[in-house]
N, C-alpha and C. Protein backbone atom coordinates (compact mmCIF):
# COMPACT_ATOMS: atom_id res chain seq x y z
N MET A 1 0.80 -1.17 0.00
CA MET A 1 0.00 0.00 0.00
C MET A 1 0.86 1.26 0.00
N ALA A 2 1.92 1.22 0.75
CA ALA A 2 2.83 2.35 0.81
C ALA A 2 3.44 2.58 -0.57
N GLU A 3 3.65 1.48 -1.26
CA GLU A 3 4.24 1.58 -2.58
C GLU A 3 3.25 2.22 -3.55
N GLU A 4 1.97 1.89 -3.47
CA GLU A 4 0.94 2.48 -4.32
C GLU A 4 0.80 3.96 -4.03
N GLN A 5 0.90 4.30 -2.74
CA GLN A 5 0.79 5.71 -2.36
C GLN A 5 1.98 6.50 -2.93
N GLU A 6 3.18 5.90 -2.89
CA GLU A 6 4.36 6.57 -3.46
C GLU A 6 4.20 6.73 -4.97
N ASN A 7 3.67 5.68 -5.63
CA ASN A 7 3.44 5.75 -7.08
C ASN A 7 2.43 6.84 -7.41
N SER A 8 1.34 6.94 -6.64
CA SER A 8 0.33 7.97 -6.93
C SER A 8 0.90 9.36 -6.63
N GLU A 9 1.72 9.48 -5.58
CA GLU A 9 2.36 10.77 -5.29
C GLU A 9 3.34 11.14 -6.41
N ALA A 10 4.05 10.15 -6.94
CA ALA A 10 4.98 10.39 -8.04
C ALA A 10 4.21 10.82 -9.29
N GLN A 11 3.06 10.19 -9.50
CA GLN A 11 2.24 10.55 -10.66
C GLN A 11 1.68 11.97 -10.50
N VAL A 12 1.27 12.32 -9.29
CA VAL A 12 0.74 13.66 -9.02
C VAL A 12 1.85 14.69 -9.25
N GLU A 13 3.05 14.40 -8.74
CA GLU A 13 4.17 15.31 -8.93
C GLU A 13 4.51 15.43 -10.42
N GLU A 14 4.46 14.31 -11.15
CA GLU A 14 4.75 14.32 -12.58
C GLU A 14 3.72 15.16 -13.34
N LYS A 15 2.43 15.02 -12.95
CA LYS A 15 1.38 15.81 -13.59
C LYS A 15 1.57 17.29 -13.29
N GLN A 16 1.93 17.61 -12.04
CA GLN A 16 2.15 19.00 -11.68
C GLN A 16 3.36 19.57 -12.43
N GLU A 17 4.37 18.74 -12.59
CA GLU A 17 5.56 19.18 -13.31
C GLU A 17 5.21 19.45 -14.77
N LYS A 18 4.38 18.56 -15.37
CA LYS A 18 3.95 18.76 -16.75
C LYS A 18 3.10 20.02 -16.87
N LYS A 19 2.21 20.27 -15.88
CA LYS A 19 1.39 21.49 -15.88
C LYS A 19 2.28 22.72 -15.77
N GLY A 20 3.30 22.62 -14.94
CA GLY A 20 4.23 23.74 -14.76
C GLY A 20 4.98 24.04 -16.06
N LYS A 21 5.42 22.98 -16.74
CA LYS A 21 6.13 23.16 -18.01
C LYS A 21 5.18 23.74 -19.07
N PHE A 22 3.95 23.26 -19.06
CA PHE A 22 2.97 23.76 -20.01
C PHE A 22 2.68 25.24 -19.77
N LYS A 23 2.53 25.62 -18.48
CA LYS A 23 2.28 27.02 -18.14
C LYS A 23 3.47 27.88 -18.55
N LEU A 24 4.66 27.38 -18.30
CA LEU A 24 5.87 28.12 -18.68
C LEU A 24 5.94 28.29 -20.20
N LEU A 25 5.64 27.24 -20.95
CA LEU A 25 5.63 27.30 -22.40
C LEU A 25 4.56 28.28 -22.89
N LEU A 26 3.39 28.23 -22.30
CA LEU A 26 2.30 29.12 -22.68
C LEU A 26 2.66 30.58 -22.41
N ILE A 27 3.23 30.84 -21.25
CA ILE A 27 3.65 32.21 -20.89
C ILE A 27 4.74 32.68 -21.84
N SER A 28 5.68 31.79 -22.16
CA SER A 28 6.76 32.15 -23.10
C SER A 28 6.20 32.51 -24.46
N LEU A 29 5.25 31.74 -24.96
CA LEU A 29 4.63 32.03 -26.25
C LEU A 29 3.89 33.36 -26.23
N ILE A 30 3.18 33.64 -25.15
CA ILE A 30 2.46 34.91 -25.04
C ILE A 30 3.44 36.07 -25.04
N VAL A 31 4.53 35.95 -24.30
CA VAL A 31 5.54 37.01 -24.25
C VAL A 31 6.15 37.23 -25.64
N ILE A 32 6.45 36.15 -26.33
CA ILE A 32 7.04 36.26 -27.67
C ILE A 32 6.05 36.92 -28.63
N MET A 33 4.78 36.52 -28.56
CA MET A 33 3.77 37.12 -29.44
C MET A 33 3.59 38.61 -29.14
N LEU A 34 3.58 38.97 -27.88
CA LEU A 34 3.45 40.39 -27.54
C LEU A 34 4.65 41.19 -28.02
N ALA A 35 5.84 40.62 -27.84
CA ALA A 35 7.05 41.30 -28.30
C ALA A 35 7.03 41.47 -29.82
N ALA A 36 6.64 40.42 -30.54
CA ALA A 36 6.58 40.49 -32.00
C ALA A 36 5.53 41.51 -32.44
N GLY A 37 4.39 41.52 -31.78
CA GLY A 37 3.35 42.49 -32.10
C GLY A 37 3.82 43.91 -31.84
N GLY A 38 4.48 44.13 -30.73
CA GLY A 38 5.01 45.46 -30.42
C GLY A 38 6.04 45.89 -31.43
N TYR A 39 6.91 44.99 -31.82
CA TYR A 39 7.92 45.30 -32.83
C TYR A 39 7.25 45.63 -34.16
N GLY A 40 6.23 44.84 -34.52
CA GLY A 40 5.50 45.09 -35.77
C GLY A 40 4.86 46.46 -35.78
N ILE A 41 4.25 46.84 -34.67
CA ILE A 41 3.63 48.17 -34.57
C ILE A 41 4.69 49.26 -34.68
N TYR A 42 5.82 49.05 -34.01
CA TYR A 42 6.92 50.03 -34.07
C TYR A 42 7.40 50.21 -35.50
N VAL A 43 7.64 49.11 -36.20
CA VAL A 43 8.12 49.17 -37.57
C VAL A 43 7.08 49.83 -38.46
N TRP A 44 5.81 49.48 -38.28
CA TRP A 44 4.73 50.05 -39.09
C TRP A 44 4.66 51.56 -38.90
N LYS A 45 4.72 52.01 -37.65
CA LYS A 45 4.66 53.45 -37.39
C LYS A 45 5.90 54.15 -37.93
N PHE A 46 7.06 53.53 -37.78
CA PHE A 46 8.30 54.14 -38.27
C PHE A 46 8.26 54.24 -39.78
N ALA A 47 7.83 53.17 -40.44
CA ALA A 47 7.78 53.17 -41.91
C ALA A 47 6.77 54.20 -42.41
N SER A 48 5.61 54.30 -41.77
CA SER A 48 4.62 55.27 -42.23
C SER A 48 5.12 56.69 -41.96
N HIS A 49 5.88 56.87 -40.89
CA HIS A 49 6.44 58.19 -40.59
C HIS A 49 7.47 58.56 -41.65
N GLN A 50 8.31 57.60 -42.04
CA GLN A 50 9.31 57.85 -43.08
C GLN A 50 8.61 58.16 -44.40
N GLY A 51 7.55 57.40 -44.72
CA GLY A 51 6.81 57.65 -45.95
C GLY A 51 6.21 59.05 -45.96
N ALA A 52 5.71 59.48 -44.82
CA ALA A 52 5.14 60.82 -44.72
C ALA A 52 6.22 61.88 -44.92
N LYS A 53 7.42 61.62 -44.39
CA LYS A 53 8.53 62.56 -44.58
C LYS A 53 8.86 62.69 -46.06
N GLU A 54 8.94 61.54 -46.75
CA GLU A 54 9.26 61.57 -48.18
C GLU A 54 8.17 62.29 -48.96
N ALA A 55 6.91 62.04 -48.63
CA ALA A 55 5.81 62.70 -49.32
C ALA A 55 5.87 64.21 -49.10
N LYS A 56 6.18 64.65 -47.88
CA LYS A 56 6.30 66.08 -47.59
C LYS A 56 7.45 66.68 -48.37
N LYS A 57 8.55 65.93 -48.48
CA LYS A 57 9.71 66.42 -49.21
C LYS A 57 9.36 66.62 -50.68
N VAL A 58 8.69 65.64 -51.29
CA VAL A 58 8.29 65.75 -52.69
C VAL A 58 7.29 66.89 -52.85
N GLU A 59 6.36 67.00 -51.90
CA GLU A 59 5.36 68.06 -51.95
C GLU A 59 6.03 69.42 -51.85
N LYS A 60 7.01 69.52 -50.97
CA LYS A 60 7.72 70.78 -50.77
C LYS A 60 8.52 71.14 -52.03
N GLU A 61 9.26 70.17 -52.55
CA GLU A 61 10.06 70.42 -53.73
C GLU A 61 9.20 70.51 -54.98
N GLY A 62 8.16 69.70 -55.04
CA GLY A 62 7.30 69.68 -56.22
C GLY A 62 7.98 68.99 -57.39
N VAL A 63 7.23 68.87 -58.44
CA VAL A 63 7.75 68.27 -59.65
C VAL A 63 8.40 69.39 -60.45
N GLY A 64 9.58 69.11 -60.94
CA GLY A 64 10.32 70.12 -61.71
C GLY A 64 9.76 70.27 -63.12
N ALA A 65 10.33 71.18 -63.84
CA ALA A 65 9.94 71.41 -65.22
C ALA A 65 10.33 70.19 -66.06
N MET A 66 9.41 69.74 -66.90
CA MET A 66 9.64 68.56 -67.72
C MET A 66 10.01 68.96 -69.15
N PHE A 67 10.97 68.22 -69.71
CA PHE A 67 11.45 68.48 -71.05
C PHE A 67 11.50 67.15 -71.79
N SER A 68 10.60 66.97 -72.77
CA SER A 68 10.57 65.72 -73.53
C SER A 68 11.40 65.86 -74.79
N LEU A 69 12.27 64.90 -74.99
CA LEU A 69 13.08 64.86 -76.20
C LEU A 69 12.32 64.08 -77.26
N GLU A 70 12.54 64.43 -78.51
CA GLU A 70 11.94 63.67 -79.60
C GLU A 70 12.42 62.22 -79.48
N PRO A 71 11.60 61.25 -79.94
CA PRO A 71 12.02 59.84 -79.82
C PRO A 71 13.33 59.56 -80.55
N PHE A 72 14.11 58.69 -79.94
CA PHE A 72 15.37 58.23 -80.53
C PHE A 72 15.08 56.91 -81.24
N ILE A 73 15.58 56.75 -82.45
CA ILE A 73 15.50 55.47 -83.17
C ILE A 73 16.93 55.14 -83.58
N PHE A 74 17.42 53.98 -83.10
CA PHE A 74 18.82 53.64 -83.35
C PHE A 74 19.00 52.13 -83.37
N ASN A 75 20.09 51.69 -84.02
CA ASN A 75 20.46 50.27 -84.04
C ASN A 75 21.11 49.91 -82.71
N LEU A 76 20.91 48.66 -82.33
CA LEU A 76 21.55 48.17 -81.11
C LEU A 76 23.03 47.94 -81.35
N SER A 77 23.81 48.11 -80.31
CA SER A 77 25.25 47.90 -80.37
C SER A 77 25.56 46.46 -80.76
N GLY A 78 26.33 46.29 -81.83
CA GLY A 78 26.77 44.96 -82.24
C GLY A 78 25.73 44.16 -82.99
N ASP A 79 24.51 44.67 -83.14
CA ASP A 79 23.45 43.92 -83.81
C ASP A 79 22.72 44.89 -84.73
N HIS A 80 23.14 44.97 -85.97
CA HIS A 80 22.60 45.96 -86.89
C HIS A 80 21.24 45.57 -87.46
N SER A 81 20.76 44.40 -87.14
CA SER A 81 19.44 43.99 -87.63
C SER A 81 18.34 44.34 -86.62
N ARG A 82 18.69 44.76 -85.42
CA ARG A 82 17.70 45.13 -84.40
C ARG A 82 17.82 46.60 -84.10
N PHE A 83 16.67 47.21 -83.79
CA PHE A 83 16.72 48.62 -83.45
C PHE A 83 15.80 48.91 -82.27
N VAL A 84 15.98 50.09 -81.70
CA VAL A 84 15.23 50.53 -80.53
C VAL A 84 14.62 51.89 -80.83
N LYS A 85 13.39 52.06 -80.41
CA LYS A 85 12.76 53.38 -80.41
C LYS A 85 12.53 53.70 -78.94
N LEU A 86 13.06 54.83 -78.50
CA LEU A 86 13.02 55.18 -77.08
C LEU A 86 12.75 56.67 -76.93
N SER A 87 11.85 57.01 -76.02
CA SER A 87 11.56 58.41 -75.73
C SER A 87 12.00 58.72 -74.31
N LEU A 88 12.63 59.87 -74.16
CA LEU A 88 13.10 60.32 -72.85
C LEU A 88 12.43 61.63 -72.46
N THR A 89 12.14 61.77 -71.18
CA THR A 89 11.70 63.03 -70.61
C THR A 89 12.65 63.35 -69.47
N ILE A 90 13.10 64.58 -69.44
CA ILE A 90 14.05 65.01 -68.41
C ILE A 90 13.33 65.95 -67.46
N GLU A 91 13.40 65.66 -66.18
CA GLU A 91 12.84 66.55 -65.16
C GLU A 91 13.95 67.49 -64.71
N MET A 92 13.72 68.76 -64.94
CA MET A 92 14.70 69.79 -64.60
C MET A 92 14.38 70.39 -63.23
N LYS A 93 15.37 71.04 -62.66
CA LYS A 93 15.22 71.65 -61.34
C LYS A 93 14.17 72.76 -61.36
N ASP A 94 14.20 73.60 -62.38
CA ASP A 94 13.24 74.70 -62.47
C ASP A 94 13.13 75.19 -63.91
N GLN A 95 12.30 76.19 -64.13
CA GLN A 95 12.04 76.71 -65.47
C GLN A 95 13.29 77.33 -66.09
N LYS A 96 14.12 77.96 -65.30
CA LYS A 96 15.36 78.57 -65.80
C LYS A 96 16.26 77.51 -66.44
N VAL A 97 16.38 76.38 -65.78
CA VAL A 97 17.20 75.28 -66.31
C VAL A 97 16.56 74.70 -67.57
N LEU A 98 15.24 74.64 -67.59
CA LEU A 98 14.54 74.16 -68.78
C LEU A 98 14.84 75.05 -69.98
N ASP A 99 14.83 76.35 -69.77
CA ASP A 99 15.16 77.28 -70.85
C ASP A 99 16.60 77.07 -71.34
N GLU A 100 17.50 76.82 -70.39
CA GLU A 100 18.89 76.54 -70.74
C GLU A 100 18.98 75.24 -71.56
N ALA A 101 18.21 74.23 -71.16
CA ALA A 101 18.23 72.94 -71.86
C ALA A 101 17.72 73.07 -73.29
N LYS A 102 16.71 73.90 -73.49
CA LYS A 102 16.17 74.10 -74.84
C LYS A 102 17.23 74.69 -75.77
N GLN A 103 18.10 75.51 -75.21
CA GLN A 103 19.17 76.13 -76.01
C GLN A 103 20.22 75.10 -76.43
N MET A 104 20.36 74.04 -75.68
CA MET A 104 21.38 73.05 -76.02
C MET A 104 20.77 71.70 -76.39
N LEU A 105 19.62 71.75 -77.01
CA LEU A 105 18.93 70.53 -77.43
C LEU A 105 19.80 69.60 -78.29
N PRO A 106 20.50 70.09 -79.29
CA PRO A 106 21.33 69.16 -80.08
C PRO A 106 22.40 68.45 -79.24
N ALA A 107 23.01 69.17 -78.30
CA ALA A 107 24.03 68.54 -77.46
C ALA A 107 23.43 67.49 -76.54
N LEU A 108 22.24 67.77 -76.00
CA LEU A 108 21.56 66.79 -75.14
C LEU A 108 21.22 65.53 -75.93
N ARG A 109 20.66 65.71 -77.11
CA ARG A 109 20.29 64.54 -77.93
C ARG A 109 21.53 63.75 -78.34
N ASP A 110 22.61 64.45 -78.70
CA ASP A 110 23.84 63.78 -79.11
C ASP A 110 24.40 62.93 -77.96
N ARG A 111 24.49 63.50 -76.76
CA ARG A 111 25.00 62.74 -75.60
C ARG A 111 24.14 61.52 -75.32
N ALA A 112 22.82 61.74 -75.31
CA ALA A 112 21.91 60.64 -75.00
C ALA A 112 22.00 59.55 -76.07
N LEU A 113 21.99 59.95 -77.34
CA LEU A 113 22.04 58.97 -78.43
C LEU A 113 23.36 58.21 -78.44
N SER A 114 24.47 58.89 -78.21
CA SER A 114 25.77 58.21 -78.16
C SER A 114 25.78 57.14 -77.07
N PHE A 115 25.24 57.47 -75.92
CA PHE A 115 25.21 56.51 -74.83
C PHE A 115 24.24 55.37 -75.13
N LEU A 116 23.03 55.71 -75.55
CA LEU A 116 22.00 54.69 -75.79
C LEU A 116 22.42 53.69 -76.86
N SER A 117 22.99 54.18 -77.95
CA SER A 117 23.35 53.28 -79.06
C SER A 117 24.53 52.37 -78.72
N SER A 118 25.23 52.65 -77.63
CA SER A 118 26.35 51.79 -77.24
C SER A 118 25.91 50.66 -76.29
N GLN A 119 24.63 50.63 -75.93
CA GLN A 119 24.14 49.65 -74.97
C GLN A 119 23.71 48.35 -75.66
N PRO A 120 23.93 47.22 -75.00
CA PRO A 120 23.49 45.93 -75.57
C PRO A 120 21.99 45.73 -75.37
N LEU A 121 21.43 44.78 -76.06
CA LEU A 121 20.00 44.46 -76.01
C LEU A 121 19.50 44.24 -74.59
N GLU A 122 20.29 43.53 -73.78
CA GLU A 122 19.86 43.18 -72.41
C GLU A 122 19.54 44.41 -71.57
N THR A 123 20.22 45.50 -71.82
CA THR A 123 20.00 46.72 -71.05
C THR A 123 18.58 47.24 -71.26
N PHE A 124 18.08 47.12 -72.45
CA PHE A 124 16.74 47.62 -72.76
C PHE A 124 15.65 46.64 -72.35
N MET A 125 15.98 45.38 -72.24
CA MET A 125 14.99 44.35 -71.90
C MET A 125 14.80 44.17 -70.40
N ASP A 126 15.81 44.43 -69.61
CA ASP A 126 15.77 44.21 -68.16
C ASP A 126 15.45 45.52 -67.44
N VAL A 127 14.38 45.52 -66.66
CA VAL A 127 13.91 46.72 -65.96
C VAL A 127 14.99 47.27 -65.02
N GLN A 128 15.66 46.40 -64.30
CA GLN A 128 16.70 46.86 -63.37
C GLN A 128 17.87 47.51 -64.12
N LYS A 129 18.22 46.96 -65.24
CA LYS A 129 19.31 47.54 -66.03
C LYS A 129 18.89 48.89 -66.62
N ARG A 130 17.59 49.02 -66.93
CA ARG A 130 17.09 50.31 -67.43
C ARG A 130 17.23 51.39 -66.37
N GLU A 131 17.00 51.03 -65.11
CA GLU A 131 17.16 52.01 -64.02
C GLU A 131 18.61 52.49 -63.94
N GLY A 132 19.54 51.56 -64.08
CA GLY A 132 20.95 51.93 -64.10
C GLY A 132 21.28 52.80 -65.30
N MET A 133 20.66 52.48 -66.43
CA MET A 133 20.89 53.24 -67.65
C MET A 133 20.38 54.69 -67.47
N LYS A 134 19.24 54.85 -66.84
CA LYS A 134 18.70 56.19 -66.61
C LYS A 134 19.65 57.01 -65.73
N LYS A 135 20.23 56.37 -64.72
CA LYS A 135 21.19 57.07 -63.86
C LYS A 135 22.42 57.50 -64.65
N GLU A 136 22.89 56.63 -65.52
CA GLU A 136 24.07 56.96 -66.33
C GLU A 136 23.76 58.09 -67.32
N ILE A 137 22.58 58.07 -67.91
CA ILE A 137 22.19 59.15 -68.82
C ILE A 137 22.15 60.46 -68.06
N LYS A 138 21.59 60.43 -66.87
CA LYS A 138 21.53 61.64 -66.04
C LYS A 138 22.94 62.18 -65.78
N GLU A 139 23.86 61.30 -65.43
CA GLU A 139 25.24 61.73 -65.16
C GLU A 139 25.89 62.34 -66.40
N LYS A 140 25.64 61.75 -67.56
CA LYS A 140 26.25 62.26 -68.80
C LYS A 140 25.64 63.60 -69.21
N LEU A 141 24.33 63.74 -69.05
CA LEU A 141 23.67 64.97 -69.46
C LEU A 141 23.94 66.13 -68.52
N LYS A 142 24.06 65.84 -67.23
CA LYS A 142 24.26 66.95 -66.29
C LYS A 142 25.62 67.62 -66.47
N LEU A 143 26.55 66.96 -67.14
CA LEU A 143 27.86 67.56 -67.42
C LEU A 143 27.75 68.74 -68.40
N LEU A 144 26.65 68.78 -69.15
CA LEU A 144 26.47 69.86 -70.12
C LEU A 144 26.02 71.18 -69.47
N PHE A 145 25.50 71.10 -68.26
CA PHE A 145 24.96 72.28 -67.60
C PHE A 145 26.03 73.00 -66.78
N LYS A 146 25.78 74.28 -66.55
CA LYS A 146 26.71 75.08 -65.75
C LYS A 146 26.80 74.53 -64.34
N GLU A 147 25.65 74.23 -63.77
CA GLU A 147 25.61 73.59 -62.45
C GLU A 147 25.28 72.13 -62.64
N GLY A 148 25.93 71.26 -61.91
CA GLY A 148 25.78 69.82 -62.11
C GLY A 148 24.51 69.20 -61.57
N ASN A 149 23.76 69.91 -60.72
CA ASN A 149 22.59 69.29 -60.10
C ASN A 149 21.28 69.83 -60.67
N ASN A 150 21.28 70.19 -61.94
CA ASN A 150 20.09 70.77 -62.56
C ASN A 150 19.07 69.73 -63.02
N ILE A 151 19.51 68.50 -63.22
CA ILE A 151 18.61 67.44 -63.66
C ILE A 151 18.16 66.66 -62.44
N LYS A 152 16.84 66.60 -62.23
CA LYS A 152 16.30 65.87 -61.09
C LYS A 152 16.13 64.38 -61.41
N GLN A 153 15.62 64.10 -62.61
CA GLN A 153 15.30 62.71 -62.93
C GLN A 153 15.23 62.53 -64.44
N ILE A 154 15.48 61.31 -64.88
CA ILE A 154 15.32 60.93 -66.28
C ILE A 154 14.20 59.89 -66.32
N TYR A 155 13.28 60.07 -67.24
CA TYR A 155 12.17 59.12 -67.40
C TYR A 155 12.19 58.54 -68.80
N ILE A 156 12.02 57.22 -68.87
CA ILE A 156 11.84 56.57 -70.16
C ILE A 156 10.33 56.49 -70.35
N THR A 157 9.82 57.25 -71.31
CA THR A 157 8.36 57.32 -71.48
C THR A 157 7.85 56.38 -72.56
N ASP A 158 8.74 55.85 -73.37
CA ASP A 158 8.33 54.93 -74.43
C ASP A 158 9.56 54.12 -74.83
N ILE A 159 9.35 52.82 -75.01
CA ILE A 159 10.47 51.99 -75.46
C ILE A 159 9.93 50.83 -76.30
N ILE A 160 10.51 50.68 -77.47
CA ILE A 160 10.15 49.57 -78.37
C ILE A 160 11.47 48.98 -78.86
N VAL A 161 11.59 47.67 -78.72
CA VAL A 161 12.78 46.96 -79.22
C VAL A 161 12.30 46.02 -80.31
N GLN A 162 12.91 46.13 -81.48
CA GLN A 162 12.50 45.25 -82.58
C GLN A 162 13.72 44.67 -83.26
């Protein structure tokens, strides 16, 4: 009988130990979920705050004067049987810079065309490579201006590869 009582006490202790482990596991999960939720809220608020800052910056600066170049039609580098038709729009810092750009239209087109016609087919087909190409065009064109930061952005408004 004493042995049965010891076995039942051992079983009771084992059940209590299992309940204790379960409670500890449950509490740990709740703490982890609360921490993850708090972190998620923090990141969400921080990201929305950053987005609001960017929107205010764009709103404050506004969109600059736009200057569309006539479409370029050229053969691809190394492949004379394929050609590209591409239209560019340049966002200028202000109207004064736009007026300056109109005066040097042939130089702008020449720089852009020289660069574009030296690019391989893959550059025009891959969106990520096009982004890099726009940055390079911006760098090449801004050298023509008296001040180097007159071009805000380059936009590809039309592209056909045949």
